[in-house]
């Protein structure tokens, strides 16, 4: 069995192993990481060999950590990343390169249509009716997009939203509210099969699916990092956040919104951002929680998006794709039956 795991912001971890009578045998670790002392590699191999094949990531990582000699230095990887690669080998999880990818960057649609397309395209990928896809959003209205489980009244100030012309919509994924002003953010969605993140913890899958965008941001001169669970940040603060939804048919939606040119004052007037939420971010004002891409790159929004597409295409061999008429029609029906209804918007009043 063979498993690989690219550590977000780090190195590639590669494992090979066999299964005998419910135990791991013939385990060998390799990769482009750095490890001192050299013979610590043998200690890791020995720690894993003989462990039950049903061992989870924390159990495997604890065994590896306990076997390391005092003062061992692991650079570009961790015991957890080795454990993740082992789990992926045991479930024969594919990597990015095992799929044919499409990149979609079509014309603007309403925020509700963008949300409906997320559900439709995720379901189609899960059902095998569409290739795994990266889609860059465009929209023609200002909107506040709240998380699936957020309280509408607690998150949005209706007077502020009306004053600044923001519609309020609810998405199918969890997480926090996003202020989506036209031409002021960059939002993308990944529609992937669950097999791509098999063997990973839920938290690890976030960083894994966003590693490509960190590379894109670094190519633009931003020293971007991932902050668990779901924040993308630069040296001056938060740039954006990600969210996920996993469908029963095996489709996984992973989407993220990054601030390009956020008006902090509007943010505070439209969103009810409490002092407690700000305090755990170490800031004193909502305006300082966002770190616009424009100020750090000096580039037009379109050029930032082009770099995202270029990076993803280069890394994974993606080709240009488009939303089909059938997919648009399915999404339009879902807007009417779900995303434009008070029942959906008020599901958590």
C-alpha atoms as a PDB file:
ATOM      1  CA  UNK A   1       0.000   0.000   0.000  1.00  0.00           C
ATOM      2  CA  UNK A   2       1.212   3.483  -0.863  1.00  0.00           C
ATOM      3  CA  UNK A   3       0.132   6.798   0.606  1.00  0.00           C
ATOM      4  CA  UNK A   4       1.156  10.421   0.129  1.00  0.00           C
ATOM      5  CA  UNK A   5       0.351  13.609   1.987  1.00  0.00           C
ATOM      6  CA  UNK A   6       1.600  17.071   1.051  1.00  0.00           C
ATOM      7  CA  UNK A   7       1.890  19.044   4.288  1.00  0.00           C
ATOM      8  CA  UNK A   8       0.265  22.461   3.748  1.00  0.00           C
ATOM      9  CA  UNK A   9       3.149  24.902   3.655  1.00  0.00           C
ATOM     10  CA  UNK A  10       5.556  22.028   4.210  1.00  0.00           C
ATOM     11  CA  UNK A  11       6.961  18.931   2.551  1.00  0.00           C
ATOM     12  CA  UNK A  12       5.716  15.750   0.894  1.00  0.00           C
ATOM     13  CA  UNK A  13       5.345  12.716   3.156  1.00  0.00           C
ATOM     14  CA  UNK A  14       5.368   9.304   1.420  1.00  0.00           C
ATOM     15  CA  UNK A  15       4.677   5.936   3.076  1.00  0.00           C
ATOM     16  CA  UNK A  16       4.713   2.348   1.882  1.00  0.00           C
ATOM     17  CA  UNK A  17       3.362  -0.518   3.945  1.00  0.00           C
ATOM     18  CA  UNK A  18       1.697  -3.920   3.982  1.00  0.00           C
ATOM     19  CA  UNK A  19      -1.161  -5.328   6.027  1.00  0.00           C
ATOM     20  CA  UNK A  20      -0.731  -8.710   7.727  1.00  0.00           C
ATOM     21  CA  UNK A  21      -3.297 -10.175  10.077  1.00  0.00           C
ATOM     22  CA  UNK A  22      -4.691  -6.768  10.917  1.00  0.00           C
ATOM     23  CA  UNK A  23      -1.283  -5.196  11.608  1.00  0.00           C
ATOM     24  CA  UNK A  24       0.994  -2.805   9.705  1.00  0.00           C
ATOM     25  CA  UNK A  25       4.120  -4.477   8.356  1.00  0.00           C
ATOM     26  CA  UNK A  26       6.978  -3.489   6.085  1.00  0.00           C
ATOM     27  CA  UNK A  27       6.431   0.187   6.838  1.00  0.00           C
ATOM     28  CA  UNK A  28       8.842   2.695   5.312  1.00  0.00           C
ATOM     29  CA  UNK A  29       8.709   6.493   5.474  1.00  0.00           C
ATOM     30  CA  UNK A  30      10.174   8.733   2.765  1.00  0.00           C
ATOM     31  CA  UNK A  31       9.798  12.288   1.496  1.00  0.00           C
ATOM     32  CA  UNK A  32      11.530  15.584   0.812  1.00  0.00           C
ATOM     33  CA  UNK A  33      11.397  16.662   4.447  1.00  0.00           C
ATOM     34  CA  UNK A  34      14.364  17.216   6.804  1.00  0.00           C
ATOM     35  CA  UNK A  35      15.011  15.004   9.810  1.00  0.00           C
ATOM     36  CA  UNK A  36      17.788  14.988  12.396  1.00  0.00           C
ATOM     37  CA  UNK A  37      19.339  12.715  13.486  1.00  0.00           C
ATOM     38  CA  UNK A  38      19.323  10.451  10.422  1.00  0.00           C
ATOM     39  CA  UNK A  39      18.579   7.282  12.385  1.00  0.00           C
ATOM     40  CA  UNK A  40      15.340   8.803  13.684  1.00  0.00           C
ATOM     41  CA  UNK A  41      13.886   7.565  10.393  1.00  0.00           C
ATOM     42  CA  UNK A  42      14.454   3.992  11.573  1.00  0.00           C
ATOM     43  CA  UNK A  43      12.811   4.847  14.906  1.00  0.00           C
ATOM     44  CA  UNK A  44       9.690   6.088  13.100  1.00  0.00           C
ATOM     45  CA  UNK A  45       9.544   2.964  10.922  1.00  0.00           C
ATOM     46  CA  UNK A  46       9.898   0.732  13.973  1.00  0.00           C
ATOM     47  CA  UNK A  47       7.185   2.598  15.876  1.00  0.00           C
ATOM     48  CA  UNK A  48       4.640   2.101  13.106  1.00  0.00           C
ATOM     49  CA  UNK A  49       5.387  -1.506  12.259  1.00  0.00           C
ATOM     50  CA  UNK A  50       3.095  -3.838  14.170  1.00  0.00           C
ATOM     51  CA  UNK A  51       0.406  -1.266  14.942  1.00  0.00           C
ATOM     52  CA  UNK A  52      -3.227  -2.232  14.287  1.00  0.00           C
ATOM     53  CA  UNK A  53      -4.441  -1.156  10.847  1.00  0.00           C
ATOM     54  CA  UNK A  54      -7.465   0.513  12.435  1.00  0.00           C
ATOM     55  CA  UNK A  55      -5.244   2.923  14.423  1.00  0.00           C
ATOM     56  CA  UNK A  56      -6.391   6.513  13.932  1.00  0.00           C
ATOM     57  CA  UNK A  57      -4.246   9.578  13.305  1.00  0.00           C
ATOM     58  CA  UNK A  58      -3.838  10.600  16.991  1.00  0.00           C
ATOM     59  CA  UNK A  59      -2.850   7.045  17.989  1.00  0.00           C
ATOM     60  CA  UNK A  60      -0.301   6.701  15.197  1.00  0.00           C
ATOM     61  CA  UNK A  61       1.127  10.171  15.829  1.00  0.00           C
ATOM     62  CA  UNK A  62       1.499   9.469  19.563  1.00  0.00           C
ATOM     63  CA  UNK A  63       3.421   6.266  18.848  1.00  0.00           C
ATOM     64  CA  UNK A  64       5.743   8.053  16.419  1.00  0.00           C
ATOM     65  CA  UNK A  65       6.344  10.959  18.804  1.00  0.00           C
ATOM     66  CA  UNK A  66       7.124   8.586  21.684  1.00  0.00           C
ATOM     67  CA  UNK A  67       9.712   6.744  19.563  1.00  0.00           C
ATOM     68  CA  UNK A  68      11.660   9.841  18.528  1.00  0.00           C
ATOM     69  CA  UNK A  69      14.974  10.364  20.275  1.00  0.00           C
ATOM     70  CA  UNK A  70      15.311  13.348  22.564  1.00  0.00           C
ATOM     71  CA  UNK A  71      16.091  16.485  20.601  1.00  0.00           C
ATOM     72  CA  UNK A  72      14.952  15.093  17.245  1.00  0.00           C
ATOM     73  CA  UNK A  73      14.222  17.802  14.676  1.00  0.00           C
ATOM     74  CA  UNK A  74      11.384  17.347  12.173  1.00  0.00           C
ATOM     75  CA  UNK A  75      11.352  20.085   9.538  1.00  0.00           C
ATOM     76  CA  UNK A  76       8.541  20.330   7.001  1.00  0.00           C
ATOM     77  CA  UNK A  77       6.498  17.537   8.550  1.00  0.00           C
ATOM     78  CA  UNK A  78       5.109  16.252  11.847  1.00  0.00           C
ATOM     79  CA  UNK A  79       4.137  12.917  13.402  1.00  0.00           C
ATOM     80  CA  UNK A  80       0.545  13.827  12.531  1.00  0.00           C
ATOM     81  CA  UNK A  81       1.391  14.246   8.853  1.00  0.00           C
ATOM     82  CA  UNK A  82       3.052  10.813   8.804  1.00  0.00           C
ATOM     83  CA  UNK A  83      -0.049   9.376  10.456  1.00  0.00           C
ATOM     84  CA  UNK A  84      -2.263  11.049   7.869  1.00  0.00           C
ATOM     85  CA  UNK A  85      -0.224   9.542   5.029  1.00  0.00           C
ATOM     86  CA  UNK A  86      -0.586   6.123   6.690  1.00  0.00           C
ATOM     87  CA  UNK A  87      -4.348   6.470   6.936  1.00  0.00           C
ATOM     88  CA  UNK A  88      -4.500   7.534   3.292  1.00  0.00           C
ATOM     89  CA  UNK A  89      -2.477   4.474   2.313  1.00  0.00           C
ATOM     90  CA  UNK A  90      -4.777   2.166   4.254  1.00  0.00           C
ATOM     91  CA  UNK A  91      -7.875   3.557   2.530  1.00  0.00           C
ATOM     92  CA  UNK A  92      -6.056   3.857  -0.846  1.00  0.00           C
ATOM     93  CA  UNK A  93      -6.825   7.568  -1.072  1.00  0.00           C
ATOM     94  CA  UNK A  94      -6.040   9.251  -4.406  1.00  0.00           C
ATOM     95  CA  UNK A  95      -4.066  12.470  -4.747  1.00  0.00           C
ATOM     96  CA  UNK A  96      -4.686  15.656  -6.722  1.00  0.00           C
ATOM     97  CA  UNK A  97      -2.935  14.226  -9.749  1.00  0.00           C
ATOM     98  CA  UNK A  98      -5.268  11.237  -9.932  1.00  0.00           C
ATOM     99  CA  UNK A  99      -8.175  13.407 -11.118  1.00  0.00           C
ATOM    100  CA  UNK A 100      -8.966  15.467 -14.183  1.00  0.00           C
ATOM    101  CA  UNK A 101      -9.722  19.017 -13.028  1.00  0.00           C
ATOM    102  CA  UNK A 102     -11.721  21.850 -14.502  1.00  0.00           C
ATOM    103  CA  UNK A 103     -11.529  25.548 -13.671  1.00  0.00           C
ATOM    104  CA  UNK A 104     -14.718  27.568 -14.126  1.00  0.00           C
ATOM    105  CA  UNK A 105     -14.798  31.356 -14.186  1.00  0.00           C
ATOM    106  CA  UNK A 106     -18.086  32.292 -15.816  1.00  0.00           C
ATOM    107  CA  UNK A 107     -20.024  35.552 -15.821  1.00  0.00           C
ATOM    108  CA  UNK A 108     -21.767  37.074 -12.814  1.00  0.00           C
ATOM    109  CA  UNK A 109     -24.916  35.609 -11.283  1.00  0.00           C
ATOM    110  CA  UNK A 110     -26.856  36.558  -8.165  1.00  0.00           C
ATOM    111  CA  UNK A 111     -25.558  35.544  -4.732  1.00  0.00           C
ATOM    112  CA  UNK A 112     -28.437  33.072  -4.424  1.00  0.00           C
ATOM    113  CA  UNK A 113     -27.470  31.487  -7.732  1.00  0.00           C
ATOM    114  CA  UNK A 114     -23.866  31.194  -6.562  1.00  0.00           C
ATOM    115  CA  UNK A 115     -25.048  29.383  -3.441  1.00  0.00           C
ATOM    116  CA  UNK A 116     -27.347  27.118  -5.422  1.00  0.00           C
ATOM    117  CA  UNK A 117     -24.570  26.321  -7.890  1.00  0.00           C
ATOM    118  CA  UNK A 118     -22.404  25.255  -4.961  1.00  0.00           C
ATOM    119  CA  UNK A 119     -24.973  22.666  -3.947  1.00  0.00           C
ATOM    120  CA  UNK A 120     -25.688  21.502  -7.497  1.00  0.00           C
ATOM    121  CA  UNK A 121     -22.055  21.146  -8.568  1.00  0.00           C
ATOM    122  CA  UNK A 122     -21.029  19.409  -5.332  1.00  0.00           C
ATOM    123  CA  UNK A 123     -23.816  16.876  -5.797  1.00  0.00           C
ATOM    124  CA  UNK A 124     -22.817  16.306  -9.420  1.00  0.00           C
ATOM    125  CA  UNK A 125     -19.186  15.684  -8.534  1.00  0.00           C
ATOM    126  CA  UNK A 126     -20.279  13.293  -5.801  1.00  0.00           C
ATOM    127  CA  UNK A 127     -22.471  11.443  -8.293  1.00  0.00           C
ATOM    128  CA  UNK A 128     -19.718  11.275 -10.896  1.00  0.00           C
ATOM    129  CA  UNK A 129     -21.581  13.564 -13.308  1.00  0.00           C
ATOM    130  CA  UNK A 130     -18.928  16.310 -13.300  1.00  0.00           C
ATOM    131  CA  UNK A 131     -15.145  16.396 -13.043  1.00  0.00           C
ATOM    132  CA  UNK A 132     -13.704  17.798  -9.810  1.00  0.00           C
ATOM    133  CA  UNK A 133     -13.871  21.551 -10.263  1.00  0.00           C
ATOM    134  CA  UNK A 134     -12.501  24.871  -9.037  1.00  0.00           C
ATOM    135  CA  UNK A 135     -15.004  27.694  -9.586  1.00  0.00           C
ATOM    136  CA  UNK A 136     -14.261  31.389  -9.142  1.00  0.00           C
ATOM    137  CA  UNK A 137     -17.396  33.332  -8.221  1.00  0.00           C
ATOM    138  CA  UNK A 138     -18.699  36.481  -9.856  1.00  0.00           C
ATOM    139  CA  UNK A 139     -21.880  38.184  -8.657  1.00  0.00           C
ATOM    140  CA  UNK A 140     -23.955  41.223  -9.536  1.00  0.00           C
ATOM    141  CA  UNK A 141     -25.374  42.224  -6.128  1.00  0.00           C
ATOM    142  CA  UNK A 142     -23.998  43.052  -2.683  1.00  0.00           C
ATOM    143  CA  UNK A 143     -24.787  40.354  -0.138  1.00  0.00           C
ATOM    144  CA  UNK A 144     -24.178  39.155   3.378  1.00  0.00           C
ATOM    145  CA  UNK A 145     -23.733  35.379   3.301  1.00  0.00           C
ATOM    146  CA  UNK A 146     -24.343  33.805   6.698  1.00  0.00           C
ATOM    147  CA  UNK A 147     -23.325  30.300   7.739  1.00  0.00           C
ATOM    148  CA  UNK A 148     -25.762  27.428   7.777  1.00  0.00           C
ATOM    149  CA  UNK A 149     -26.050  27.417  11.577  1.00  0.00           C
ATOM    150  CA  UNK A 150     -25.824  31.121  12.369  1.00  0.00           C
ATOM    151  CA  UNK A 151     -28.618  33.112  13.953  1.00  0.00           C
ATOM    152  CA  UNK A 152     -29.893  35.687  11.464  1.00  0.00           C
ATOM    153  CA  UNK A 153     -30.814  38.275  14.076  1.00  0.00           C
ATOM    154  CA  UNK A 154     -27.551  37.861  15.962  1.00  0.00           C
ATOM    155  CA  UNK A 155     -25.321  38.226  12.903  1.00  0.00           C
ATOM    156  CA  UNK A 156     -26.907  40.903  10.724  1.00  0.00           C
ATOM    157  CA  UNK A 157     -28.103  44.429  11.469  1.00  0.00           C
ATOM    158  CA  UNK A 158     -31.103  44.798   9.114  1.00  0.00           C
ATOM    159  CA  UNK A 159     -30.959  48.601   9.143  1.00  0.00           C
ATOM    160  CA  UNK A 160     -27.264  48.609   8.292  1.00  0.00           C
ATOM    161  CA  UNK A 161     -27.768  46.026   5.547  1.00  0.00           C
ATOM    162  CA  UNK A 162     -30.591  48.085   4.004  1.00  0.00           C
ATOM    163  CA  UNK A 163     -28.631  51.314   4.307  1.00  0.00           C
ATOM    164  CA  UNK A 164     -25.670  49.915   2.377  1.00  0.00           C
ATOM    165  CA  UNK A 165     -27.696  47.817  -0.068  1.00  0.00           C
ATOM    166  CA  UNK A 166     -26.771  44.345   1.137  1.00  0.00           C
ATOM    167  CA  UNK A 167     -29.115  41.409   0.581  1.00  0.00           C
ATOM    168  CA  UNK A 168     -28.916  38.622   3.181  1.00  0.00           C
ATOM    169  CA  UNK A 169     -28.604  34.968   2.132  1.00  0.00           C
ATOM    170  CA  UNK A 170     -27.714  31.696   3.857  1.00  0.00           C
ATOM    171  CA  UNK A 171     -25.281  29.078   2.528  1.00  0.00           C
ATOM    172  CA  UNK A 172     -25.224  25.313   3.097  1.00  0.00           C
ATOM    173  CA  UNK A 173     -21.830  25.268   4.846  1.00  0.00           C
ATOM    174  CA  UNK A 174     -21.086  26.291   8.407  1.00  0.00           C
ATOM    175  CA  UNK A 175     -18.782  29.057   9.575  1.00  0.00           C
ATOM    176  CA  UNK A 176     -19.213  32.780   9.949  1.00  0.00           C
ATOM    177  CA  UNK A 177     -20.881  35.598   8.051  1.00  0.00           C
ATOM    178  CA  UNK A 178     -19.131  37.054   5.011  1.00  0.00           C
ATOM    179  CA  UNK A 179     -19.676  40.553   3.667  1.00  0.00           C
ATOM    180  CA  UNK A 180     -19.607  40.148  -0.112  1.00  0.00           C
ATOM    181  CA  UNK A 181     -19.528  43.564  -1.739  1.00  0.00           C
ATOM    182  CA  UNK A 182     -19.292  43.597  -5.520  1.00  0.00           C
ATOM    183  CA  UNK A 183     -15.668  43.595  -6.725  1.00  0.00           C
ATOM    184  CA  UNK A 184     -14.387  43.697  -3.146  1.00  0.00           C
ATOM    185  CA  UNK A 185     -13.645  40.031  -2.468  1.00  0.00           C
ATOM    186  CA  UNK A 186     -12.358  36.906  -4.169  1.00  0.00           C
ATOM    187  CA  UNK A 187     -14.455  33.794  -3.583  1.00  0.00           C
ATOM    188  CA  UNK A 188     -13.786  30.326  -4.913  1.00  0.00           C
ATOM    189  CA  UNK A 189     -15.369  26.907  -4.495  1.00  0.00           C
ATOM    190  CA  UNK A 190     -13.797  23.485  -4.829  1.00  0.00           C
ATOM    191  CA  UNK A 191     -16.073  20.557  -5.653  1.00  0.00           C
ATOM    192  CA  UNK A 192     -14.175  17.344  -4.927  1.00  0.00           C
ATOM    193  CA  UNK A 193     -14.832  13.657  -4.266  1.00  0.00           C
ATOM    194  CA  UNK A 194     -14.599  12.634  -0.626  1.00  0.00           C
ATOM    195  CA  UNK A 195     -11.853  10.186  -1.601  1.00  0.00           C
ATOM    196  CA  UNK A 196      -9.441  13.107  -2.101  1.00  0.00           C
ATOM    197  CA  UNK A 197      -9.499  13.860   1.635  1.00  0.00           C
ATOM    198  CA  UNK A 198      -9.915  10.274   2.835  1.00  0.00           C
ATOM    199  CA  UNK A 199      -7.818   9.466   5.873  1.00  0.00           C
ATOM    200  CA  UNK A 200      -7.561  13.103   6.948  1.00  0.00           C
ATOM    201  CA  UNK A 201      -9.100  14.683   9.984  1.00  0.00           C
ATOM    202  CA  UNK A 202     -11.723  17.284   9.185  1.00  0.00           C
ATOM    203  CA  UNK A 203      -9.344  20.022  10.319  1.00  0.00           C
ATOM    204  CA  UNK A 204      -6.464  18.724   8.185  1.00  0.00           C
ATOM    205  CA  UNK A 205      -8.656  18.658   5.096  1.00  0.00           C
ATOM    206  CA  UNK A 206      -9.174  22.426   5.321  1.00  0.00           C
ATOM    207  CA  UNK A 207      -5.489  23.225   5.088  1.00  0.00           C
ATOM    208  CA  UNK A 208      -4.929  20.483   2.490  1.00  0.00           C
ATOM    209  CA  UNK A 209      -7.593  21.852   0.125  1.00  0.00           C
ATOM    210  CA  UNK A 210      -6.327  25.427   0.459  1.00  0.00           C
ATOM    211  CA  UNK A 211      -2.614  24.745   0.084  1.00  0.00           C
ATOM    212  CA  UNK A 212      -2.715  25.749  -3.600  1.00  0.00           C
ATOM    213  CA  UNK A 213      -4.093  29.192  -2.761  1.00  0.00           C
ATOM    214  CA  UNK A 214      -1.314  29.763  -0.239  1.00  0.00           C
ATOM    215  CA  UNK A 215       1.116  29.078  -3.066  1.00  0.00           C
ATOM    216  CA  UNK A 216      -0.767  31.524  -5.297  1.00  0.00           C
ATOM    217  CA  UNK A 217      -0.678  34.215  -2.617  1.00  0.00           C
ATOM    218  CA  UNK A 218       3.035  33.697  -2.023  1.00  0.00           C
ATOM    219  CA  UNK A 219       3.663  34.088  -5.741  1.00  0.00           C
ATOM    220  CA  UNK A 220       2.015  37.514  -5.377  1.00  0.00           C
ATOM    221  CA  UNK A 221       4.431  38.457  -2.597  1.00  0.00           C
ATOM    222  CA  UNK A 222       2.153  37.712   0.368  1.00  0.00           C
ATOM    223  CA  UNK A 223       3.645  35.513   3.083  1.00  0.00           C
ATOM    224  CA  UNK A 224       0.385  33.618   3.512  1.00  0.00           C
ATOM    225  CA  UNK A 225      -0.186  30.966   6.174  1.00  0.00           C
ATOM    226  CA  UNK A 226      -3.094  28.809   7.294  1.00  0.00           C
ATOM    227  CA  UNK A 227      -4.415  29.335  10.811  1.00  0.00           C
ATOM    228  CA  UNK A 228      -6.587  26.492  12.131  1.00  0.00           C
ATOM    229  CA  UNK A 229      -9.375  25.847  11.744  1.00  0.00           C
ATOM    230  CA  UNK A 230     -10.258  27.829   8.650  1.00  0.00           C
ATOM    231  CA  UNK A 231      -8.440  31.169   8.361  1.00  0.00           C
ATOM    232  CA  UNK A 232      -6.017  32.295   5.649  1.00  0.00           C
ATOM    233  CA  UNK A 233      -3.762  35.024   6.994  1.00  0.00           C
ATOM    234  CA  UNK A 234      -0.849  37.241   6.035  1.00  0.00           C
ATOM    235  CA  UNK A 235       1.733  39.139   8.059  1.00  0.00           C
ATOM    236  CA  UNK A 236      -0.744  41.940   8.773  1.00  0.00           C
ATOM    237  CA  UNK A 237      -3.768  39.877   9.696  1.00  0.00           C
ATOM    238  CA  UNK A 238      -6.596  37.776   8.374  1.00  0.00           C
ATOM    239  CA  UNK A 239      -7.155  37.661   4.608  1.00  0.00           C
ATOM    240  CA  UNK A 240     -10.074  35.263   4.449  1.00  0.00           C
ATOM    241  CA  UNK A 241     -11.790  32.160   5.723  1.00  0.00           C
ATOM    242  CA  UNK A 242     -12.955  28.796   4.418  1.00  0.00           C
ATOM    243  CA  UNK A 243     -15.956  26.551   5.031  1.00  0.00           C
ATOM    244  CA  UNK A 244     -17.002  23.041   4.042  1.00  0.00           C
ATOM    245  CA  UNK A 245     -20.066  20.914   3.434  1.00  0.00           C
ATOM    246  CA  UNK A 246     -19.989  17.178   2.811  1.00  0.00           C
ATOM    247  CA  UNK A 247     -22.898  15.571   1.009  1.00  0.00           C
ATOM    248  CA  UNK A 248     -24.168  12.050   1.580  1.00  0.00           C
ATOM    249  CA  UNK A 249     -23.331  11.018  -1.999  1.00  0.00           C
ATOM    250  CA  UNK A 250     -19.599  11.644  -1.486  1.00  0.00           C
ATOM    251  CA  UNK A 251     -19.345  15.172  -2.821  1.00  0.00           C
ATOM    252  CA  UNK A 252     -17.345  17.696  -0.791  1.00  0.00           C
ATOM    253  CA  UNK A 253     -17.801  21.455  -1.057  1.00  0.00           C
ATOM    254  CA  UNK A 254     -14.883  23.559   0.118  1.00  0.00           C
ATOM    255  CA  UNK A 255     -15.148  27.283  -0.452  1.00  0.00           C
ATOM    256  CA  UNK A 256     -13.273  30.343   0.746  1.00  0.00           C
ATOM    257  CA  UNK A 257     -13.723  34.105   0.649  1.00  0.00           C
ATOM    258  CA  UNK A 258     -10.716  36.428   0.666  1.00  0.00           C
ATOM    259  CA  UNK A 259     -10.975  40.165   1.158  1.00  0.00           C
ATOM    260  CA  UNK A 260      -9.720  42.235  -1.762  1.00  0.00           C
ATOM    261  CA  UNK A 261     -10.820  45.729  -0.721  1.00  0.00           C
ATOM    262  CA  UNK A 262     -12.993  45.635   2.402  1.00  0.00           C
ATOM    263  CA  UNK A 263     -14.590  48.749   3.912  1.00  0.00           C
ATOM    264  CA  UNK A 264     -14.194  48.126   7.614  1.00  0.00           C
ATOM    265  CA  UNK A 265     -16.756  50.760   8.596  1.00  0.00           C
ATOM    266  CA  UNK A 266     -19.441  49.185   6.425  1.00  0.00           C
ATOM    267  CA  UNK A 267     -18.538  45.817   7.919  1.00  0.00           C
ATOM    268  CA  UNK A 268     -19.239  47.050  11.441  1.00  0.00           C
ATOM    269  CA  UNK A 269     -22.546  48.636  10.415  1.00  0.00           C
ATOM    270  CA  UNK A 270     -23.888  45.579   8.574  1.00  0.00           C
ATOM    271  CA  UNK A 271     -22.599  42.738  10.762  1.00  0.00           C
ATOM    272  CA  UNK A 272     -23.236  42.483  14.491  1.00  0.00           C
ATOM    273  CA  UNK A 273     -19.669  41.616  15.469  1.00  0.00           C
ATOM    274  CA  UNK A 274     -19.521  41.374  19.237  1.00  0.00           C
ATOM    275  CA  UNK A 275     -16.638  42.350  21.479  1.00  0.00           C
ATOM    276  CA  UNK A 276     -16.096  38.734  22.544  1.00  0.00           C
ATOM    277  CA  UNK A 277     -15.542  37.612  18.947  1.00  0.00           C
ATOM    278  CA  UNK A 278     -13.117  40.459  18.341  1.00  0.00           C
ATOM    279  CA  UNK A 279     -11.257  39.839  21.572  1.00  0.00           C
ATOM    280  CA  UNK A 280     -10.312  36.274  20.642  1.00  0.00           C
ATOM    281  CA  UNK A 281      -8.758  37.633  17.438  1.00  0.00           C
ATOM    282  CA  UNK A 282      -6.604  40.019  19.463  1.00  0.00           C
ATOM    283  CA  UNK A 283      -8.043  43.136  17.828  1.00  0.00           C
ATOM    284  CA  UNK A 284     -10.049  46.113  18.975  1.00  0.00           C
ATOM    285  CA  UNK A 285     -11.992  46.890  15.818  1.00  0.00           C
ATOM    286  CA  UNK A 286     -13.642  44.924  13.062  1.00  0.00           C
ATOM    287  CA  UNK A 287     -11.849  46.978  10.441  1.00  0.00           C
ATOM    288  CA  UNK A 288      -8.513  45.555  11.569  1.00  0.00           C
ATOM    289  CA  UNK A 289      -9.711  41.944  11.203  1.00  0.00           C
ATOM    290  CA  UNK A 290      -9.505  42.035   7.417  1.00  0.00           C
ATOM    291  CA  UNK A 291      -6.352  42.469   5.378  1.00  0.00           C
ATOM    292  CA  UNK A 292      -7.267  43.447   1.808  1.00  0.00           C
ATOM    293  CA  UNK A 293      -5.398  41.818  -1.048  1.00  0.00           C
ATOM    294  CA  UNK A 294      -5.282  45.105  -2.942  1.00  0.00           C
ATOM    295  CA  UNK A 295      -3.184  46.819  -0.290  1.00  0.00           C
ATOM    296  CA  UNK A 296      -0.654  43.986  -0.263  1.00  0.00           C
ATOM    297  CA  UNK A 297      -0.375  43.269  -3.982  1.00  0.00           C
ATOM    298  CA  UNK A 298      -1.257  46.572  -5.663  1.00  0.00           C
ATOM    299  CA  UNK A 299      -2.954  44.510  -8.379  1.00  0.00           C
ATOM    300  CA  UNK A 300      -6.455  44.739  -9.843  1.00  0.00           C
ATOM    301  CA  UNK A 301      -8.834  42.067  -8.611  1.00  0.00           C
ATOM    302  CA  UNK A 302      -8.919  40.401 -12.038  1.00  0.00           C
ATOM    303  CA  UNK A 303      -5.154  39.912 -11.969  1.00  0.00           C
ATOM    304  CA  UNK A 304      -5.342  38.293  -8.545  1.00  0.00           C
ATOM    305  CA  UNK A 305      -7.979  35.889  -9.854  1.00  0.00           C
ATOM    306  CA  UNK A 306      -5.879  35.172 -12.942  1.00  0.00           C
ATOM    307  CA  UNK A 307      -2.936  34.235 -10.718  1.00  0.00           C
ATOM    308  CA  UNK A 308      -5.179  31.906  -8.705  1.00  0.00           C
ATOM    309  CA  UNK A 309      -6.314  30.172 -11.900  1.00  0.00           C
ATOM    310  CA  UNK A 310      -2.770  30.016 -13.263  1.00  0.00           C
ATOM    311  CA  UNK A 311      -1.422  28.491 -10.053  1.00  0.00           C
ATOM    312  CA  UNK A 312      -4.157  25.867  -9.797  1.00  0.00           C
ATOM    313  CA  UNK A 313      -3.859  24.979 -13.488  1.00  0.00           C
ATOM    314  CA  UNK A 314      -0.086  24.608 -13.286  1.00  0.00           C
ATOM    315  CA  UNK A 315      -0.188  22.484 -10.149  1.00  0.00           C
ATOM    316  CA  UNK A 316      -2.955  20.103 -11.151  1.00  0.00           C
ATOM    317  CA  UNK A 317      -3.172  20.215 -14.943  1.00  0.00           C
ATOM    318  CA  UNK A 318      -6.660  21.712 -14.920  1.00  0.00           C
ATOM    319  CA  UNK A 319      -8.489  22.730 -18.084  1.00  0.00           C
ATOM    320  CA  UNK A 320     -11.007  25.493 -18.667  1.00  0.00           C
ATOM    321  CA  UNK A 321     -14.625  24.526 -18.081  1.00  0.00           C
ATOM    322  CA  UNK A 322     -18.061  26.098 -17.898  1.00  0.00           C
ATOM    323  CA  UNK A 323     -21.394  25.630 -16.163  1.00  0.00           C
ATOM    324  CA  UNK A 324     -23.782  23.776 -18.444  1.00  0.00           C
ATOM    325  CA  UNK A 325     -27.310  24.931 -19.273  1.00  0.00           C
ATOM    326  CA  UNK A 326     -28.620  21.930 -17.382  1.00  0.00           C
ATOM    327  CA  UNK A 327     -26.637  22.865 -14.285  1.00  0.00           C
ATOM    328  CA  UNK A 328     -27.848  26.466 -14.452  1.00  0.00           C
ATOM    329  CA  UNK A 329     -31.444  25.264 -14.768  1.00  0.00           C
ATOM    330  CA  UNK A 330     -31.062  22.955 -11.778  1.00  0.00           C
ATOM    331  CA  UNK A 331     -29.572  25.795  -9.743  1.00  0.00           C
ATOM    332  CA  UNK A 332     -32.378  28.177 -10.736  1.00  0.00           C
ATOM    333  CA  UNK A 333     -34.933  25.638  -9.522  1.00  0.00           C
ATOM    334  CA  UNK A 334     -33.038  25.340  -6.237  1.00  0.00           C
ATOM    335  CA  UNK A 335     -33.030  29.127  -5.815  1.00  0.00           C
ATOM    336  CA  UNK A 336     -36.821  29.124  -6.129  1.00  0.00           C
ATOM    337  CA  UNK A 337     -37.401  26.154  -3.829  1.00  0.00           C
ATOM    338  CA  UNK A 338     -34.748  26.860  -1.192  1.00  0.00           C
ATOM    339  CA  UNK A 339     -32.314  29.774  -1.280  1.00  0.00           C
ATOM    340  CA  UNK A 340     -34.851  32.546  -1.886  1.00  0.00           C
ATOM    341  CA  UNK A 341     -37.337  31.296   0.716  1.00  0.00           C
ATOM    342  CA  UNK A 342     -37.880  32.752   4.171  1.00  0.00           C
ATOM    343  CA  UNK A 343     -37.974  29.204   5.512  1.00  0.00           C
ATOM    344  CA  UNK A 344     -34.325  28.703   4.530  1.00  0.00           C
ATOM    345  CA  UNK A 345     -33.142  32.167   5.529  1.00  0.00           C
ATOM    346  CA  UNK A 346     -34.904  31.978   8.896  1.00  0.00           C
ATOM    347  CA  UNK A 347     -33.962  28.358   9.661  1.00  0.00           C
ATOM    348  CA  UNK A 348     -32.036  29.794  12.639  1.00  0.00           C
ATOM    349  CA  UNK A 349     -33.904  33.053  13.373  1.00  0.00           C
END
